Amino acid sequence: MSGSIDLKRKRPMEEDYGKTPEEGYAQGEAAATERYRAILRLVRDEQTATAKKNSAEVERNSLSDQIALLEEMLHKGDRFDIRAEKTRLKAELRRAKEEVKAIKVPFVDWEKLGEGWFWSRP
């Protein structure tokens, strides 16, 4: 028992919770606010990193598809029909645009939630 930190403090309840209920409530509220803001910072950082990764993957996939098209053109030689390939690619592009339109991303208004600092850098 002699090594316990609680025994060395003169007023452990006051040090942990404040002298009045209002002070204790304010300390608890400040601690909760800081905890949830830290969680929101983690979410923001994750979303930013995910967006960067997605952008890099799109670039990689685009280059990979261009290389595949060039290889197909080299393989087919004179039999490669550019007009048919252009028509096929336009159809794929229309399909991809429709898929992008169908995806709805919810908007979070951090100002209305009282967390306007969310997208500002620390």
N, C-alpha and C. Protein backbone atom coordinates (compact mmCIF):
# COMPACT_ATOMS: atom_id res chain seq x y z
N MET A 1 0.80 -1.20 0.00
CA MET A 1 0.00 0.00 0.00
C MET A 1 0.84 1.27 0.00
N SER A 2 2.07 1.17 0.51
CA SER A 2 2.88 2.38 0.62
C SER A 2 3.28 2.92 -0.75
N GLY A 3 3.23 2.10 -1.80
CA GLY A 3 3.60 2.54 -3.14
C GLY A 3 2.45 3.12 -3.93
N SER A 4 1.25 3.12 -3.39
CA SER A 4 0.08 3.59 -4.12
C SER A 4 0.14 5.10 -4.30
N ILE A 5 -0.13 5.55 -5.51
CA ILE A 5 -0.12 6.99 -5.81
C ILE A 5 -1.28 7.68 -5.08
N ASP A 6 -2.42 7.03 -4.98
CA ASP A 6 -3.59 7.64 -4.35
C ASP A 6 -3.31 8.03 -2.90
N LEU A 7 -2.50 7.30 -2.20
CA LEU A 7 -2.21 7.61 -0.80
C LEU A 7 -1.31 8.83 -0.67
N LYS A 8 -0.57 9.17 -1.70
CA LYS A 8 0.34 10.30 -1.64
C LYS A 8 -0.35 11.62 -1.95
N ARG A 9 -1.49 11.57 -2.58
CA ARG A 9 -2.20 12.80 -2.91
C ARG A 9 -3.00 13.26 -1.71
N LYS A 10 -3.06 14.57 -1.52
CA LYS A 10 -3.76 15.10 -0.35
C LYS A 10 -5.27 15.06 -0.54
N ARG A 11 -5.73 15.43 -1.71
CA ARG A 11 -7.17 15.45 -1.97
C ARG A 11 -7.43 14.81 -3.34
N PRO A 12 -7.43 13.48 -3.41
CA PRO A 12 -7.57 12.81 -4.71
C PRO A 12 -8.89 13.10 -5.40
N MET A 13 -9.99 13.18 -4.68
CA MET A 13 -11.29 13.45 -5.31
C MET A 13 -11.32 14.83 -5.93
N GLU A 14 -10.79 15.83 -5.21
CA GLU A 14 -10.78 17.19 -5.74
C GLU A 14 -9.85 17.30 -6.94
N GLU A 15 -8.72 16.60 -6.88
CA GLU A 15 -7.77 16.66 -8.00
C GLU A 15 -8.36 16.02 -9.25
N ASP A 16 -9.12 14.95 -9.08
CA ASP A 16 -9.70 14.25 -10.23
C ASP A 16 -10.98 14.90 -10.74
N TYR A 17 -11.82 15.37 -9.84
CA TYR A 17 -13.17 15.79 -10.24
C TYR A 17 -13.48 17.25 -9.96
N GLY A 18 -12.58 18.02 -9.38
CA GLY A 18 -12.85 19.41 -9.09
C GLY A 18 -13.49 19.59 -7.73
N LYS A 19 -13.57 20.84 -7.30
CA LYS A 19 -14.11 21.14 -5.96
C LYS A 19 -15.62 21.20 -5.95
N THR A 20 -16.22 21.56 -7.07
CA THR A 20 -17.68 21.67 -7.13
C THR A 20 -18.21 20.75 -8.23
N PRO A 21 -19.49 20.44 -8.17
CA PRO A 21 -20.06 19.61 -9.25
C PRO A 21 -19.93 20.28 -10.63
N GLU A 22 -20.07 21.60 -10.66
CA GLU A 22 -19.96 22.31 -11.94
C GLU A 22 -18.56 22.17 -12.52
N GLU A 23 -17.56 22.28 -11.65
CA GLU A 23 -16.18 22.13 -12.09
C GLU A 23 -15.91 20.70 -12.57
N GLY A 24 -16.46 19.73 -11.87
CA GLY A 24 -16.31 18.34 -12.28
C GLY A 24 -16.98 18.08 -13.62
N TYR A 25 -18.17 18.67 -13.80
CA TYR A 25 -18.88 18.52 -15.07
C TYR A 25 -18.08 19.15 -16.21
N ALA A 26 -17.54 20.34 -15.96
CA ALA A 26 -16.76 21.03 -16.99
C ALA A 26 -15.52 20.22 -17.37
N GLN A 27 -14.87 19.63 -16.38
CA GLN A 27 -13.68 18.81 -16.67
C GLN A 27 -14.07 17.58 -17.49
N GLY A 28 -15.16 16.95 -17.13
CA GLY A 28 -15.62 15.78 -17.88
C GLY A 28 -16.01 16.13 -19.30
N GLU A 29 -16.69 17.26 -19.46
CA GLU A 29 -17.10 17.70 -20.79
C GLU A 29 -15.88 18.02 -21.65
N ALA A 30 -14.88 18.69 -21.06
CA ALA A 30 -13.67 19.01 -21.81
C ALA A 30 -12.93 17.74 -22.23
N ALA A 31 -12.87 16.77 -21.33
CA ALA A 31 -12.19 15.51 -21.65
C ALA A 31 -12.92 14.76 -22.76
N ALA A 32 -14.26 14.74 -22.70
CA ALA A 32 -15.04 14.05 -23.74
C ALA A 32 -14.88 14.76 -25.08
N THR A 33 -14.91 16.09 -25.06
CA THR A 33 -14.75 16.86 -26.30
C THR A 33 -13.40 16.57 -26.93
N GLU A 34 -12.36 16.57 -26.13
CA GLU A 34 -11.02 16.30 -26.66
C GLU A 34 -10.92 14.88 -27.21
N ARG A 35 -11.54 13.94 -26.54
CA ARG A 35 -11.49 12.54 -27.00
C ARG A 35 -12.17 12.39 -28.36
N TYR A 36 -13.36 12.97 -28.50
CA TYR A 36 -14.08 12.82 -29.76
C TYR A 36 -13.44 13.64 -30.87
N ARG A 37 -12.83 14.76 -30.54
CA ARG A 37 -12.11 15.51 -31.56
C ARG A 37 -10.90 14.71 -32.05
N ALA A 38 -10.26 14.01 -31.15
CA ALA A 38 -9.13 13.16 -31.56
C ALA A 38 -9.61 12.06 -32.50
N ILE A 39 -10.77 11.49 -32.21
CA ILE A 39 -11.34 10.46 -33.09
C ILE A 39 -11.65 11.05 -34.46
N LEU A 40 -12.22 12.26 -34.47
CA LEU A 40 -12.54 12.92 -35.75
C LEU A 40 -11.27 13.23 -36.53
N ARG A 41 -10.19 13.61 -35.84
CA ARG A 41 -8.92 13.84 -36.54
C ARG A 41 -8.43 12.56 -37.21
N LEU A 42 -8.58 11.43 -36.51
CA LEU A 42 -8.18 10.15 -37.10
C LEU A 42 -9.01 9.85 -38.34
N VAL A 43 -10.31 10.12 -38.27
CA VAL A 43 -11.20 9.88 -39.42
C VAL A 43 -10.79 10.77 -40.59
N ARG A 44 -10.52 12.05 -40.29
CA ARG A 44 -10.11 12.99 -41.34
C ARG A 44 -8.82 12.51 -42.01
N ASP A 45 -7.85 12.11 -41.21
CA ASP A 45 -6.57 11.65 -41.77
C ASP A 45 -6.77 10.39 -42.61
N GLU A 46 -7.64 9.50 -42.15
CA GLU A 46 -7.92 8.28 -42.91
C GLU A 46 -8.58 8.61 -44.24
N GLN A 47 -9.55 9.54 -44.23
CA GLN A 47 -10.23 9.91 -45.47
C GLN A 47 -9.27 10.57 -46.45
N THR A 48 -8.39 11.42 -45.95
CA THR A 48 -7.41 12.08 -46.81
C THR A 48 -6.47 11.06 -47.44
N ALA A 49 -5.98 10.12 -46.64
CA ALA A 49 -5.08 9.09 -47.15
C ALA A 49 -5.79 8.18 -48.15
N THR A 50 -7.05 7.86 -47.87
CA THR A 50 -7.83 7.02 -48.79
C THR A 50 -8.02 7.72 -50.13
N ALA A 51 -8.31 9.02 -50.09
CA ALA A 51 -8.48 9.78 -51.33
C ALA A 51 -7.19 9.79 -52.15
N LYS A 52 -6.05 9.98 -51.47
CA LYS A 52 -4.77 9.97 -52.18
C LYS A 52 -4.50 8.59 -52.80
N LYS A 53 -4.79 7.54 -52.03
CA LYS A 53 -4.56 6.19 -52.53
C LYS A 53 -5.46 5.90 -53.73
N ASN A 54 -6.73 6.31 -53.65
CA ASN A 54 -7.66 6.09 -54.76
C ASN A 54 -7.18 6.82 -56.01
N SER A 55 -6.70 8.03 -55.84
CA SER A 55 -6.20 8.80 -56.98
C SER A 55 -5.01 8.09 -57.63
N ALA A 56 -4.11 7.58 -56.81
CA ALA A 56 -2.95 6.87 -57.35
C ALA A 56 -3.38 5.58 -58.05
N GLU A 57 -4.38 4.89 -57.49
CA GLU A 57 -4.86 3.65 -58.12
C GLU A 57 -5.53 3.94 -59.46
N VAL A 58 -6.27 5.04 -59.55
CA VAL A 58 -6.91 5.41 -60.81
C VAL A 58 -5.84 5.68 -61.87
N GLU A 59 -4.80 6.42 -61.48
CA GLU A 59 -3.71 6.70 -62.41
C GLU A 59 -3.04 5.40 -62.87
N ARG A 60 -2.77 4.51 -61.92
CA ARG A 60 -2.13 3.23 -62.25
C ARG A 60 -3.00 2.42 -63.21
N ASN A 61 -4.31 2.35 -62.91
CA ASN A 61 -5.22 1.58 -63.77
C ASN A 61 -5.32 2.18 -65.16
N SER A 62 -5.31 3.51 -65.24
CA SER A 62 -5.38 4.17 -66.54
C SER A 62 -4.16 3.82 -67.38
N LEU A 63 -2.99 3.91 -66.77
CA LEU A 63 -1.77 3.58 -67.51
C LEU A 63 -1.74 2.11 -67.90
N SER A 64 -2.19 1.26 -67.02
CA SER A 64 -2.23 -0.18 -67.31
C SER A 64 -3.16 -0.46 -68.50
N ASP A 65 -4.30 0.21 -68.53
CA ASP A 65 -5.24 0.01 -69.64
C ASP A 65 -4.67 0.55 -70.95
N GLN A 66 -3.96 1.66 -70.89
CA GLN A 66 -3.34 2.20 -72.10
C GLN A 66 -2.31 1.22 -72.66
N ILE A 67 -1.51 0.64 -71.76
CA ILE A 67 -0.51 -0.34 -72.20
C ILE A 67 -1.19 -1.56 -72.80
N ALA A 68 -2.27 -2.01 -72.17
CA ALA A 68 -2.99 -3.18 -72.70
C ALA A 68 -3.55 -2.89 -74.09
N LEU A 69 -4.06 -1.67 -74.30
CA LEU A 69 -4.59 -1.30 -75.61
C LEU A 69 -3.48 -1.29 -76.66
N LEU A 70 -2.34 -0.71 -76.29
CA LEU A 70 -1.22 -0.70 -77.24
C LEU A 70 -0.74 -2.11 -77.57
N GLU A 71 -0.70 -2.98 -76.57
CA GLU A 71 -0.30 -4.37 -76.81
C GLU A 71 -1.29 -5.07 -77.74
N GLU A 72 -2.59 -4.79 -77.54
CA GLU A 72 -3.61 -5.39 -78.41
C GLU A 72 -3.45 -4.88 -79.84
N MET A 73 -3.16 -3.59 -79.97
CA MET A 73 -2.96 -3.02 -81.31
C MET A 73 -1.76 -3.67 -81.99
N LEU A 74 -0.68 -3.85 -81.23
CA LEU A 74 0.52 -4.49 -81.81
C LEU A 74 0.25 -5.94 -82.18
N HIS A 75 -0.52 -6.63 -81.35
CA HIS A 75 -0.81 -8.04 -81.58
C HIS A 75 -1.68 -8.24 -82.83
N LYS A 76 -2.70 -7.39 -82.97
CA LYS A 76 -3.62 -7.56 -84.11
C LYS A 76 -3.04 -7.00 -85.40
N GLY A 77 -2.17 -6.03 -85.30
CA GLY A 77 -1.54 -5.46 -86.49
C GLY A 77 -2.55 -4.78 -87.40
N ASP A 78 -2.64 -5.22 -88.65
CA ASP A 78 -3.53 -4.60 -89.64
C ASP A 78 -5.00 -4.90 -89.37
N ARG A 79 -5.28 -5.95 -88.61
CA ARG A 79 -6.68 -6.33 -88.36
C ARG A 79 -7.33 -5.48 -87.27
N PHE A 80 -6.58 -4.60 -86.63
CA PHE A 80 -7.13 -3.78 -85.54
C PHE A 80 -8.00 -2.67 -86.13
N ASP A 81 -9.28 -2.63 -85.70
CA ASP A 81 -10.23 -1.64 -86.19
C ASP A 81 -10.35 -0.51 -85.17
N ILE A 82 -9.77 0.63 -85.49
CA ILE A 82 -9.76 1.76 -84.55
C ILE A 82 -11.17 2.29 -84.32
N ARG A 83 -12.00 2.35 -85.35
CA ARG A 83 -13.36 2.89 -85.18
C ARG A 83 -14.19 2.00 -84.25
N ALA A 84 -14.08 0.69 -84.42
CA ALA A 84 -14.81 -0.23 -83.56
C ALA A 84 -14.32 -0.12 -82.11
N GLU A 85 -13.02 0.02 -81.96
CA GLU A 85 -12.45 0.16 -80.61
C GLU A 85 -12.91 1.47 -79.97
N LYS A 86 -12.97 2.55 -80.76
CA LYS A 86 -13.43 3.84 -80.25
C LYS A 86 -14.89 3.74 -79.81
N THR A 87 -15.71 3.09 -80.60
CA THR A 87 -17.12 2.90 -80.25
C THR A 87 -17.25 2.09 -78.96
N ARG A 88 -16.47 1.04 -78.85
CA ARG A 88 -16.51 0.21 -77.64
C ARG A 88 -16.09 1.01 -76.40
N LEU A 89 -15.03 1.80 -76.55
CA LEU A 89 -14.55 2.60 -75.42
C LEU A 89 -15.55 3.68 -75.02
N LYS A 90 -16.24 4.28 -76.01
CA LYS A 90 -17.26 5.28 -75.69
C LYS A 90 -18.41 4.65 -74.92
N ALA A 91 -18.80 3.44 -75.30
CA ALA A 91 -19.87 2.74 -74.58
C ALA A 91 -19.44 2.45 -73.14
N GLU A 92 -18.19 2.04 -72.96
CA GLU A 92 -17.68 1.79 -71.61
C GLU A 92 -17.63 3.07 -70.80
N LEU A 93 -17.26 4.18 -71.45
CA LEU A 93 -17.21 5.47 -70.77
C LEU A 93 -18.59 5.90 -70.31
N ARG A 94 -19.61 5.72 -71.16
CA ARG A 94 -20.99 6.06 -70.77
C ARG A 94 -21.43 5.23 -69.57
N ARG A 95 -21.12 3.93 -69.59
CA ARG A 95 -21.47 3.06 -68.48
C ARG A 95 -20.78 3.51 -67.20
N ALA A 96 -19.50 3.86 -67.31
CA ALA A 96 -18.75 4.30 -66.13
C ALA A 96 -19.30 5.61 -65.58
N LYS A 97 -19.69 6.52 -66.48
CA LYS A 97 -20.28 7.79 -66.02
C LYS A 97 -21.58 7.56 -65.28
N GLU A 98 -22.40 6.63 -65.76
CA GLU A 98 -23.65 6.31 -65.08
C GLU A 98 -23.39 5.72 -63.69
N GLU A 99 -22.37 4.87 -63.59
CA GLU A 99 -22.03 4.30 -62.29
C GLU A 99 -21.59 5.38 -61.32
N VAL A 100 -20.81 6.34 -61.81
CA VAL A 100 -20.35 7.44 -60.94
C VAL A 100 -21.54 8.29 -60.50
N LYS A 101 -22.49 8.54 -61.41
CA LYS A 101 -23.69 9.32 -61.05
C LYS A 101 -24.52 8.62 -59.99
N ALA A 102 -24.56 7.30 -60.04
CA ALA A 102 -25.39 6.53 -59.12
C ALA A 102 -24.84 6.53 -57.70
N ILE A 103 -23.56 6.81 -57.54
CA ILE A 103 -22.96 6.81 -56.21
C ILE A 103 -23.25 8.14 -55.53
N LYS A 104 -23.93 8.08 -54.41
CA LYS A 104 -24.27 9.28 -53.65
C LYS A 104 -23.36 9.35 -52.42
N VAL A 105 -22.62 10.44 -52.32
CA VAL A 105 -21.74 10.65 -51.17
C VAL A 105 -22.41 11.64 -50.24
N PRO A 106 -22.67 11.24 -48.99
CA PRO A 106 -23.33 12.16 -48.06
C PRO A 106 -22.40 13.32 -47.70
N PHE A 107 -22.99 14.49 -47.56
CA PHE A 107 -22.24 15.68 -47.18
C PHE A 107 -22.46 15.95 -45.70
N VAL A 108 -21.39 16.11 -44.98
CA VAL A 108 -21.48 16.42 -43.55
C VAL A 108 -21.13 17.89 -43.40
N ASP A 109 -22.07 18.67 -42.88
CA ASP A 109 -21.83 20.09 -42.65
C ASP A 109 -21.23 20.26 -41.25
N TRP A 110 -19.91 20.31 -41.19
CA TRP A 110 -19.22 20.37 -39.90
C TRP A 110 -19.50 21.68 -39.18
N GLU A 111 -19.78 22.75 -39.93
CA GLU A 111 -20.10 24.03 -39.29
C GLU A 111 -21.40 23.92 -38.50
N LYS A 112 -22.42 23.28 -39.07
CA LYS A 112 -23.69 23.12 -38.37
C LYS A 112 -23.53 22.26 -37.12
N LEU A 113 -22.60 21.31 -37.17
CA LEU A 113 -22.38 20.43 -36.03
C LEU A 113 -21.50 21.08 -34.97
N GLY A 114 -21.04 22.31 -35.24
CA GLY A 114 -20.19 22.99 -34.28
C GLY A 114 -18.76 22.50 -34.30
N GLU A 115 -18.38 21.84 -35.37
CA GLU A 115 -17.03 21.30 -35.50
C GLU A 115 -16.37 21.86 -36.75
N GLY A 116 -16.43 23.17 -36.93
CA GLY A 116 -15.87 23.81 -38.12
C GLY A 116 -14.37 23.64 -38.26
N TRP A 117 -13.69 23.32 -37.21
CA TRP A 117 -12.25 23.12 -37.23
C TRP A 117 -11.86 21.84 -37.95
N PHE A 118 -12.84 20.96 -38.23
CA PHE A 118 -12.56 19.59 -38.68
C PHE A 118 -11.62 19.54 -39.87
N TRP A 119 -11.85 20.35 -40.91
CA TRP A 119 -11.01 20.27 -42.10
C TRP A 119 -9.84 21.23 -42.06
N SER A 120 -9.74 22.05 -41.01
CA SER A 120 -8.57 22.92 -40.89
C SER A 120 -7.40 22.09 -40.37
N ARG A 121 -6.23 22.44 -40.77
CA ARG A 121 -5.04 21.69 -40.35
C ARG A 121 -4.68 22.06 -38.91
N PRO A 122 -4.24 21.06 -38.12
CA PRO A 122 -3.86 21.33 -36.72
C PRO A 122 -2.62 22.19 -36.61
